[in-house]
Amino acid sequence: MWKFGRRAAVSVTQQQVLEKLAGVTSPRGVALTNANVLSPITVSDGKVFFSINVDAAEARAWESVRAQAESAVRAIPGVTAAMIALTAE
């Protein structure tokens, strides 16, 4: 439905985000959702925020995973923005 040139709001849930992220594979060969690297996921008004927290020595290998995760989340109907940070300690 279109109203004033904008798409009607579609509610996005954490479960939808997790389902999409389950299709992203980590450098370790496991689903991102099973890699124990995700921060809590925040979903608010179509915007999704979370971080992928990895060891500094592995950060380079995880950048492509971060990009894949961001693309997967942006593909969810109703997502208007996605901010996925890669943090390395």
N, C-alpha and C. Protein backbone atom coordinates (compact mmCIF):
# COMPACT_ATOMS: atom_id res chain seq x y z
N MET A 1 0.84 -1.18 0.00
CA MET A 1 0.00 0.00 0.00
C MET A 1 0.89 1.24 0.00
N TRP A 2 0.51 2.21 -0.79
CA TRP A 2 1.29 3.45 -0.88
C TRP A 2 0.47 4.58 -0.27
N LYS A 3 1.13 5.41 0.47
CA LYS A 3 0.46 6.54 1.08
C LYS A 3 1.44 7.70 1.09
N PHE A 4 1.08 8.78 0.44
CA PHE A 4 1.92 9.96 0.36
C PHE A 4 3.32 9.63 -0.16
N GLY A 5 3.39 8.68 -1.12
CA GLY A 5 4.67 8.34 -1.73
C GLY A 5 5.57 7.47 -0.87
N ARG A 6 5.08 6.97 0.25
CA ARG A 6 5.91 6.13 1.13
C ARG A 6 5.25 4.77 1.28
N ARG A 7 6.07 3.77 1.49
CA ARG A 7 5.57 2.43 1.69
C ARG A 7 4.98 2.31 3.10
N ALA A 8 3.91 1.57 3.22
CA ALA A 8 3.31 1.35 4.54
C ALA A 8 4.31 0.61 5.42
N ALA A 9 4.30 0.94 6.68
CA ALA A 9 5.24 0.34 7.63
C ALA A 9 4.94 -1.15 7.79
N VAL A 10 6.01 -1.94 7.76
CA VAL A 10 5.93 -3.37 8.01
C VAL A 10 6.76 -3.62 9.25
N SER A 11 6.19 -4.30 10.21
CA SER A 11 6.89 -4.55 11.46
C SER A 11 7.98 -5.61 11.26
N VAL A 12 9.18 -5.31 11.72
CA VAL A 12 10.31 -6.23 11.64
C VAL A 12 10.56 -6.77 13.04
N THR A 13 10.82 -8.09 13.13
CA THR A 13 11.05 -8.70 14.43
C THR A 13 12.48 -9.22 14.55
N GLN A 14 12.93 -9.41 15.78
CA GLN A 14 14.24 -10.01 16.02
C GLN A 14 14.29 -11.41 15.43
N GLN A 15 13.19 -12.13 15.51
CA GLN A 15 13.15 -13.50 14.97
C GLN A 15 13.41 -13.49 13.46
N GLN A 16 12.84 -12.53 12.74
CA GLN A 16 13.10 -12.43 11.30
C GLN A 16 14.58 -12.19 11.05
N VAL A 17 15.19 -11.32 11.84
CA VAL A 17 16.61 -11.02 11.69
C VAL A 17 17.43 -12.28 11.94
N LEU A 18 17.13 -12.99 13.01
CA LEU A 18 17.87 -14.22 13.34
C LEU A 18 17.72 -15.27 12.24
N GLU A 19 16.53 -15.38 11.67
CA GLU A 19 16.31 -16.34 10.59
C GLU A 19 17.19 -16.01 9.38
N LYS A 20 17.28 -14.73 9.04
CA LYS A 20 18.14 -14.32 7.93
C LYS A 20 19.61 -14.57 8.25
N LEU A 21 20.02 -14.25 9.48
CA LEU A 21 21.41 -14.41 9.87
C LEU A 21 21.82 -15.88 9.93
N ALA A 22 20.87 -16.78 10.14
CA ALA A 22 21.17 -18.21 10.16
C ALA A 22 21.68 -18.69 8.80
N GLY A 23 21.37 -17.94 7.75
CA GLY A 23 21.84 -18.28 6.41
C GLY A 23 23.21 -17.73 6.07
N VAL A 24 23.81 -16.98 6.99
CA VAL A 24 25.15 -16.42 6.78
C VAL A 24 26.14 -17.32 7.51
N THR A 25 27.19 -17.74 6.81
CA THR A 25 28.17 -18.65 7.39
C THR A 25 29.40 -17.89 7.87
N SER A 26 29.85 -18.24 9.05
CA SER A 26 31.05 -17.62 9.63
C SER A 26 32.30 -18.22 9.00
N PRO A 27 33.46 -17.57 9.19
CA PRO A 27 34.71 -18.15 8.71
C PRO A 27 35.01 -19.52 9.35
N ARG A 28 34.36 -19.80 10.45
CA ARG A 28 34.53 -21.09 11.14
C ARG A 28 33.67 -22.19 10.53
N GLY A 29 32.82 -21.81 9.56
CA GLY A 29 31.99 -22.79 8.88
C GLY A 29 30.66 -23.08 9.55
N VAL A 30 30.28 -22.27 10.53
CA VAL A 30 28.99 -22.46 11.20
C VAL A 30 28.11 -21.24 10.93
N ALA A 31 26.82 -21.43 11.12
CA ALA A 31 25.88 -20.32 10.94
C ALA A 31 26.24 -19.19 11.90
N LEU A 32 26.11 -17.98 11.43
CA LEU A 32 26.44 -16.81 12.25
C LEU A 32 25.69 -16.84 13.58
N THR A 33 24.46 -17.33 13.55
CA THR A 33 23.66 -17.39 14.77
C THR A 33 24.18 -18.42 15.78
N ASN A 34 25.05 -19.32 15.35
CA ASN A 34 25.63 -20.34 16.24
C ASN A 34 27.10 -20.09 16.54
N ALA A 35 27.64 -18.97 16.10
CA ALA A 35 29.07 -18.69 16.24
C ALA A 35 29.43 -17.98 17.54
N ASN A 36 28.43 -17.66 18.36
CA ASN A 36 28.66 -16.98 19.65
C ASN A 36 29.41 -15.66 19.50
N VAL A 37 29.04 -14.88 18.48
CA VAL A 37 29.72 -13.60 18.24
C VAL A 37 28.74 -12.42 18.15
N LEU A 38 27.45 -12.68 18.23
CA LEU A 38 26.46 -11.62 18.04
C LEU A 38 26.13 -10.92 19.36
N SER A 39 26.06 -9.60 19.28
CA SER A 39 25.55 -8.82 20.41
C SER A 39 24.02 -8.94 20.40
N PRO A 40 23.36 -8.43 21.42
CA PRO A 40 21.89 -8.36 21.35
C PRO A 40 21.48 -7.54 20.12
N ILE A 41 20.40 -7.96 19.49
CA ILE A 41 19.89 -7.30 18.29
C ILE A 41 18.80 -6.32 18.68
N THR A 42 18.94 -5.09 18.21
CA THR A 42 17.93 -4.07 18.45
C THR A 42 17.19 -3.80 17.16
N VAL A 43 15.86 -3.84 17.22
CA VAL A 43 15.01 -3.52 16.08
C VAL A 43 14.06 -2.42 16.52
N SER A 44 14.09 -1.29 15.80
CA SER A 44 13.24 -0.16 16.16
C SER A 44 12.83 0.60 14.90
N ASP A 45 11.54 0.67 14.67
CA ASP A 45 11.00 1.43 13.53
C ASP A 45 11.68 1.09 12.21
N GLY A 46 11.90 -0.19 11.96
CA GLY A 46 12.50 -0.62 10.70
C GLY A 46 14.01 -0.55 10.67
N LYS A 47 14.62 -0.09 11.74
CA LYS A 47 16.08 0.00 11.81
C LYS A 47 16.60 -1.16 12.66
N VAL A 48 17.67 -1.79 12.19
CA VAL A 48 18.25 -2.95 12.89
C VAL A 48 19.70 -2.64 13.23
N PHE A 49 20.05 -2.89 14.49
CA PHE A 49 21.40 -2.62 14.97
C PHE A 49 21.92 -3.83 15.75
N PHE A 50 23.16 -4.22 15.48
CA PHE A 50 23.85 -5.21 16.31
C PHE A 50 25.32 -5.20 15.92
N SER A 51 26.12 -5.90 16.71
CA SER A 51 27.54 -6.01 16.38
C SER A 51 27.95 -7.47 16.34
N ILE A 52 29.03 -7.69 15.61
CA ILE A 52 29.68 -9.00 15.55
C ILE A 52 30.99 -8.81 16.29
N ASN A 53 31.15 -9.52 17.38
CA ASN A 53 32.31 -9.34 18.26
C ASN A 53 33.28 -10.51 18.10
N VAL A 54 34.48 -10.21 17.59
CA VAL A 54 35.45 -11.27 17.31
C VAL A 54 36.82 -10.92 17.89
N ASP A 55 37.68 -11.90 17.92
CA ASP A 55 39.06 -11.69 18.34
C ASP A 55 39.77 -10.83 17.29
N ALA A 56 40.63 -9.94 17.74
CA ALA A 56 41.32 -9.02 16.83
C ALA A 56 42.09 -9.76 15.74
N ALA A 57 42.63 -10.91 16.05
CA ALA A 57 43.41 -11.67 15.07
C ALA A 57 42.54 -12.20 13.94
N GLU A 58 41.23 -12.29 14.15
CA GLU A 58 40.32 -12.82 13.15
C GLU A 58 39.52 -11.74 12.41
N ALA A 59 39.71 -10.51 12.77
CA ALA A 59 38.86 -9.43 12.26
C ALA A 59 38.82 -9.36 10.74
N ARG A 60 39.94 -9.48 10.08
CA ARG A 60 39.97 -9.38 8.62
C ARG A 60 39.09 -10.44 7.97
N ALA A 61 39.12 -11.64 8.49
CA ALA A 61 38.32 -12.73 7.93
C ALA A 61 36.82 -12.51 8.13
N TRP A 62 36.46 -11.73 9.13
CA TRP A 62 35.06 -11.51 9.45
C TRP A 62 34.43 -10.33 8.71
N GLU A 63 35.20 -9.49 8.06
CA GLU A 63 34.61 -8.32 7.38
C GLU A 63 33.63 -8.73 6.30
N SER A 64 33.96 -9.76 5.52
CA SER A 64 33.02 -10.20 4.48
C SER A 64 31.75 -10.77 5.10
N VAL A 65 31.87 -11.40 6.26
CA VAL A 65 30.70 -11.92 6.96
C VAL A 65 29.82 -10.76 7.43
N ARG A 66 30.43 -9.70 7.93
CA ARG A 66 29.68 -8.52 8.35
C ARG A 66 28.89 -7.96 7.17
N ALA A 67 29.55 -7.85 6.02
CA ALA A 67 28.89 -7.32 4.83
C ALA A 67 27.74 -8.23 4.39
N GLN A 68 27.94 -9.54 4.44
CA GLN A 68 26.87 -10.49 4.08
C GLN A 68 25.71 -10.38 5.06
N ALA A 69 26.01 -10.23 6.33
CA ALA A 69 24.96 -10.09 7.35
C ALA A 69 24.15 -8.82 7.10
N GLU A 70 24.84 -7.74 6.78
CA GLU A 70 24.14 -6.49 6.51
C GLU A 70 23.24 -6.61 5.30
N SER A 71 23.73 -7.24 4.24
CA SER A 71 22.91 -7.43 3.03
C SER A 71 21.69 -8.30 3.34
N ALA A 72 21.88 -9.34 4.12
CA ALA A 72 20.78 -10.24 4.47
C ALA A 72 19.71 -9.50 5.27
N VAL A 73 20.14 -8.69 6.22
CA VAL A 73 19.19 -7.95 7.05
C VAL A 73 18.45 -6.90 6.22
N ARG A 74 19.16 -6.21 5.34
CA ARG A 74 18.53 -5.19 4.50
C ARG A 74 17.47 -5.79 3.57
N ALA A 75 17.59 -7.08 3.28
CA ALA A 75 16.64 -7.74 2.38
C ALA A 75 15.31 -8.08 3.06
N ILE A 76 15.24 -7.93 4.36
CA ILE A 76 14.00 -8.23 5.09
C ILE A 76 12.97 -7.13 4.80
N PRO A 77 11.77 -7.51 4.36
CA PRO A 77 10.74 -6.49 4.12
C PRO A 77 10.48 -5.66 5.38
N GLY A 78 10.48 -4.35 5.21
CA GLY A 78 10.24 -3.45 6.33
C GLY A 78 11.50 -2.86 6.94
N VAL A 79 12.66 -3.44 6.63
CA VAL A 79 13.92 -2.88 7.14
C VAL A 79 14.25 -1.64 6.32
N THR A 80 14.43 -0.52 7.00
CA THR A 80 14.76 0.73 6.33
C THR A 80 16.23 1.09 6.50
N ALA A 81 16.88 0.51 7.50
CA ALA A 81 18.31 0.75 7.72
C ALA A 81 18.87 -0.40 8.54
N ALA A 82 20.15 -0.69 8.30
CA ALA A 82 20.82 -1.73 9.07
C ALA A 82 22.22 -1.25 9.40
N MET A 83 22.59 -1.34 10.67
CA MET A 83 23.92 -0.95 11.13
C MET A 83 24.51 -2.16 11.84
N ILE A 84 25.44 -2.82 11.15
CA ILE A 84 26.09 -3.98 11.72
C ILE A 84 27.56 -3.63 11.88
N ALA A 85 28.01 -3.56 13.12
CA ALA A 85 29.39 -3.20 13.41
C ALA A 85 30.21 -4.46 13.63
N LEU A 86 31.46 -4.42 13.20
CA LEU A 86 32.41 -5.49 13.49
C LEU A 86 33.35 -4.96 14.55
N THR A 87 33.33 -5.57 15.71
CA THR A 87 34.22 -5.14 16.79
C THR A 87 35.22 -6.24 17.07
N ALA A 88 36.47 -5.84 17.25
CA ALA A 88 37.54 -6.81 17.49
C ALA A 88 38.33 -6.39 18.71
N GLU A 89 38.53 -7.32 19.62
CA GLU A 89 39.28 -7.04 20.84
C GLU A 89 40.40 -8.03 21.00
